[in-house]
């Protein structure tokens, strides 16, 4: 562009449409991120009385998941990004549930 010419600002309708699409993509992505944790949480809860059923679940990876999803939810909250907050909170709840279940099941009994 030559000096003195500026790009036209998008129309308000176009901006509103783009914002809606971005929000939709954010919510769909967040829903997918949250839903992918639910089967593992369900498996952990169903197998909580059977250590063999939980043998393939790594407590260290779920501890890291809990830490990073806490950071993700905090970031989303500070940025006012509701889809990020929702995904971070759901993922955090699932990670903590799985971690607690696996840790309790693997604890030696007396």
C-alpha atoms as a PDB file:
ATOM      1  CA  UNK A   1       0.000   0.000   0.000  1.00  0.00           C
ATOM      2  CA  UNK A   2       1.220   3.470  -0.702  1.00  0.00           C
ATOM      3  CA  UNK A   3       1.646   5.991   2.010  1.00  0.00           C
ATOM      4  CA  UNK A   4      -1.492   7.856   2.946  1.00  0.00           C
ATOM      5  CA  UNK A   5      -3.872   5.012   2.023  1.00  0.00           C
ATOM      6  CA  UNK A   6      -5.243   2.873   4.794  1.00  0.00           C
ATOM      7  CA  UNK A   7      -7.075  -0.400   4.770  1.00  0.00           C
ATOM      8  CA  UNK A   8     -10.808  -0.132   5.140  1.00  0.00           C
ATOM      9  CA  UNK A   9     -12.182  -1.250   8.441  1.00  0.00           C
ATOM     10  CA  UNK A  10     -14.505  -4.223   8.130  1.00  0.00           C
ATOM     11  CA  UNK A  11     -18.197  -3.490   8.401  1.00  0.00           C
ATOM     12  CA  UNK A  12     -19.840  -4.011  11.811  1.00  0.00           C
ATOM     13  CA  UNK A  13     -21.939  -6.852  10.394  1.00  0.00           C
ATOM     14  CA  UNK A  14     -18.888  -8.658   9.072  1.00  0.00           C
ATOM     15  CA  UNK A  15     -17.067  -8.159  12.385  1.00  0.00           C
ATOM     16  CA  UNK A  16     -20.028  -9.499  14.357  1.00  0.00           C
ATOM     17  CA  UNK A  17     -20.249 -12.522  12.060  1.00  0.00           C
ATOM     18  CA  UNK A  18     -16.518 -13.227  12.393  1.00  0.00           C
ATOM     19  CA  UNK A  19     -16.781 -12.907  16.170  1.00  0.00           C
ATOM     20  CA  UNK A  20     -19.679 -15.364  16.247  1.00  0.00           C
ATOM     21  CA  UNK A  21     -17.766 -17.871  14.153  1.00  0.00           C
ATOM     22  CA  UNK A  22     -14.726 -17.534  16.389  1.00  0.00           C
ATOM     23  CA  UNK A  23     -16.877 -18.053  19.499  1.00  0.00           C
ATOM     24  CA  UNK A  24     -18.543 -21.087  17.907  1.00  0.00           C
ATOM     25  CA  UNK A  25     -15.174 -22.630  17.041  1.00  0.00           C
ATOM     26  CA  UNK A  26     -13.988 -21.945  20.590  1.00  0.00           C
ATOM     27  CA  UNK A  27     -16.989 -23.657  22.157  1.00  0.00           C
ATOM     28  CA  UNK A  28     -16.821 -26.665  19.830  1.00  0.00           C
ATOM     29  CA  UNK A  29     -13.099 -27.050  20.509  1.00  0.00           C
ATOM     30  CA  UNK A  30     -13.660 -26.730  24.245  1.00  0.00           C
ATOM     31  CA  UNK A  31     -16.467 -29.278  24.184  1.00  0.00           C
ATOM     32  CA  UNK A  32     -14.218 -31.716  22.325  1.00  0.00           C
ATOM     33  CA  UNK A  33     -11.361 -31.139  24.748  1.00  0.00           C
ATOM     34  CA  UNK A  34     -13.670 -31.706  27.706  1.00  0.00           C
ATOM     35  CA  UNK A  35     -15.461 -34.746  26.266  1.00  0.00           C
ATOM     36  CA  UNK A  36     -12.252 -36.619  25.501  1.00  0.00           C
ATOM     37  CA  UNK A  37     -11.525 -36.886  29.247  1.00  0.00           C
ATOM     38  CA  UNK A  38     -14.889 -38.322  30.271  1.00  0.00           C
ATOM     39  CA  UNK A  39     -14.359 -41.935  29.076  1.00  0.00           C
ATOM     40  CA  UNK A  40     -11.076 -42.183  31.009  1.00  0.00           C
ATOM     41  CA  UNK A  41     -12.677 -40.739  34.156  1.00  0.00           C
ATOM     42  CA  UNK A  42     -15.563 -43.190  33.789  1.00  0.00           C
ATOM     43  CA  UNK A  43     -13.117 -46.079  33.368  1.00  0.00           C
ATOM     44  CA  UNK A  44     -11.191 -45.039  36.470  1.00  0.00           C
ATOM     45  CA  UNK A  45     -14.346 -44.777  38.573  1.00  0.00           C
ATOM     46  CA  UNK A  46     -15.717 -48.106  37.358  1.00  0.00           C
ATOM     47  CA  UNK A  47     -12.419 -49.875  37.978  1.00  0.00           C
ATOM     48  CA  UNK A  48     -11.651 -48.302  41.330  1.00  0.00           C
ATOM     49  CA  UNK A  49     -12.016 -51.659  43.113  1.00  0.00           C
ATOM     50  CA  UNK A  50      -9.799 -53.456  40.574  1.00  0.00           C
ATOM     51  CA  UNK A  51      -6.130 -52.374  40.507  1.00  0.00           C
ATOM     52  CA  UNK A  52      -5.515 -54.474  37.378  1.00  0.00           C
ATOM     53  CA  UNK A  53      -8.114 -52.413  35.487  1.00  0.00           C
ATOM     54  CA  UNK A  54      -6.209 -49.230  36.315  1.00  0.00           C
ATOM     55  CA  UNK A  55      -2.716 -50.593  35.664  1.00  0.00           C
ATOM     56  CA  UNK A  56      -2.322 -48.656  32.407  1.00  0.00           C
ATOM     57  CA  UNK A  57      -3.164 -45.270  33.906  1.00  0.00           C
ATOM     58  CA  UNK A  58      -0.151 -43.122  34.798  1.00  0.00           C
ATOM     59  CA  UNK A  59      -0.649 -40.985  37.924  1.00  0.00           C
ATOM     60  CA  UNK A  60       2.244 -38.715  36.893  1.00  0.00           C
ATOM     61  CA  UNK A  61       0.583 -37.798  33.605  1.00  0.00           C
ATOM     62  CA  UNK A  62      -2.671 -36.920  35.370  1.00  0.00           C
ATOM     63  CA  UNK A  63      -0.805 -34.866  37.966  1.00  0.00           C
ATOM     64  CA  UNK A  64       0.730 -32.886  35.098  1.00  0.00           C
ATOM     65  CA  UNK A  65      -2.695 -32.638  33.462  1.00  0.00           C
ATOM     66  CA  UNK A  66      -4.144 -31.227  36.695  1.00  0.00           C
ATOM     67  CA  UNK A  67      -1.367 -28.631  36.918  1.00  0.00           C
ATOM     68  CA  UNK A  68      -1.628 -27.552  33.288  1.00  0.00           C
ATOM     69  CA  UNK A  69      -5.417 -27.429  33.280  1.00  0.00           C
ATOM     70  CA  UNK A  70      -5.304 -25.234  36.386  1.00  0.00           C
ATOM     71  CA  UNK A  71      -3.036 -22.892  34.435  1.00  0.00           C
ATOM     72  CA  UNK A  72      -5.328 -23.102  31.394  1.00  0.00           C
ATOM     73  CA  UNK A  73      -8.441 -22.246  33.422  1.00  0.00           C
ATOM     74  CA  UNK A  74      -6.595 -19.374  35.101  1.00  0.00           C
ATOM     75  CA  UNK A  75      -5.453 -18.029  31.736  1.00  0.00           C
ATOM     76  CA  UNK A  76      -8.966 -18.290  30.310  1.00  0.00           C
ATOM     77  CA  UNK A  77     -10.355 -16.480  33.315  1.00  0.00           C
ATOM     78  CA  UNK A  78      -7.840 -13.652  33.037  1.00  0.00           C
ATOM     79  CA  UNK A  79      -8.502 -13.315  29.302  1.00  0.00           C
ATOM     80  CA  UNK A  80     -12.302 -13.595  29.753  1.00  0.00           C
ATOM     81  CA  UNK A  81     -12.308 -16.571  27.370  1.00  0.00           C
ATOM     82  CA  UNK A  82     -15.296 -18.598  28.553  1.00  0.00           C
ATOM     83  CA  UNK A  83     -14.644 -21.621  26.274  1.00  0.00           C
ATOM     84  CA  UNK A  84     -11.101 -21.925  27.636  1.00  0.00           C
ATOM     85  CA  UNK A  85     -12.313 -21.663  31.238  1.00  0.00           C
ATOM     86  CA  UNK A  86     -14.998 -24.319  30.685  1.00  0.00           C
ATOM     87  CA  UNK A  87     -12.583 -26.750  29.030  1.00  0.00           C
ATOM     88  CA  UNK A  88      -9.909 -26.145  31.665  1.00  0.00           C
ATOM     89  CA  UNK A  89     -12.337 -26.683  34.550  1.00  0.00           C
ATOM     90  CA  UNK A  90     -13.902 -29.848  33.106  1.00  0.00           C
ATOM     91  CA  UNK A  91     -10.479 -31.264  32.265  1.00  0.00           C
ATOM     92  CA  UNK A  92      -9.186 -30.344  35.718  1.00  0.00           C
ATOM     93  CA  UNK A  93     -12.115 -32.112  37.418  1.00  0.00           C
ATOM     94  CA  UNK A  94     -11.583 -35.227  35.316  1.00  0.00           C
ATOM     95  CA  UNK A  95      -7.809 -35.240  35.892  1.00  0.00           C
ATOM     96  CA  UNK A  96      -8.217 -34.859  39.666  1.00  0.00           C
ATOM     97  CA  UNK A  97     -10.902 -37.588  39.734  1.00  0.00           C
ATOM     98  CA  UNK A  98      -8.680 -39.971  37.793  1.00  0.00           C
ATOM     99  CA  UNK A  99      -5.615 -39.123  39.881  1.00  0.00           C
ATOM    100  CA  UNK A 100      -7.462 -39.589  43.176  1.00  0.00           C
ATOM    101  CA  UNK A 101      -9.059 -42.845  42.029  1.00  0.00           C
ATOM    102  CA  UNK A 102      -5.820 -44.347  40.758  1.00  0.00           C
ATOM    103  CA  UNK A 103      -3.855 -43.211  43.813  1.00  0.00           C
ATOM    104  CA  UNK A 104      -6.453 -44.610  46.215  1.00  0.00           C
ATOM    105  CA  UNK A 105      -6.729 -47.912  44.360  1.00  0.00           C
ATOM    106  CA  UNK A 106      -2.975 -48.434  44.258  1.00  0.00           C
ATOM    107  CA  UNK A 107      -2.469 -47.566  47.928  1.00  0.00           C
ATOM    108  CA  UNK A 108      -1.413 -50.669  49.861  1.00  0.00           C
ATOM    109  CA  UNK A 109      -4.048 -51.998  52.244  1.00  0.00           C
ATOM    110  CA  UNK A 110      -3.253 -53.259  55.747  1.00  0.00           C
END
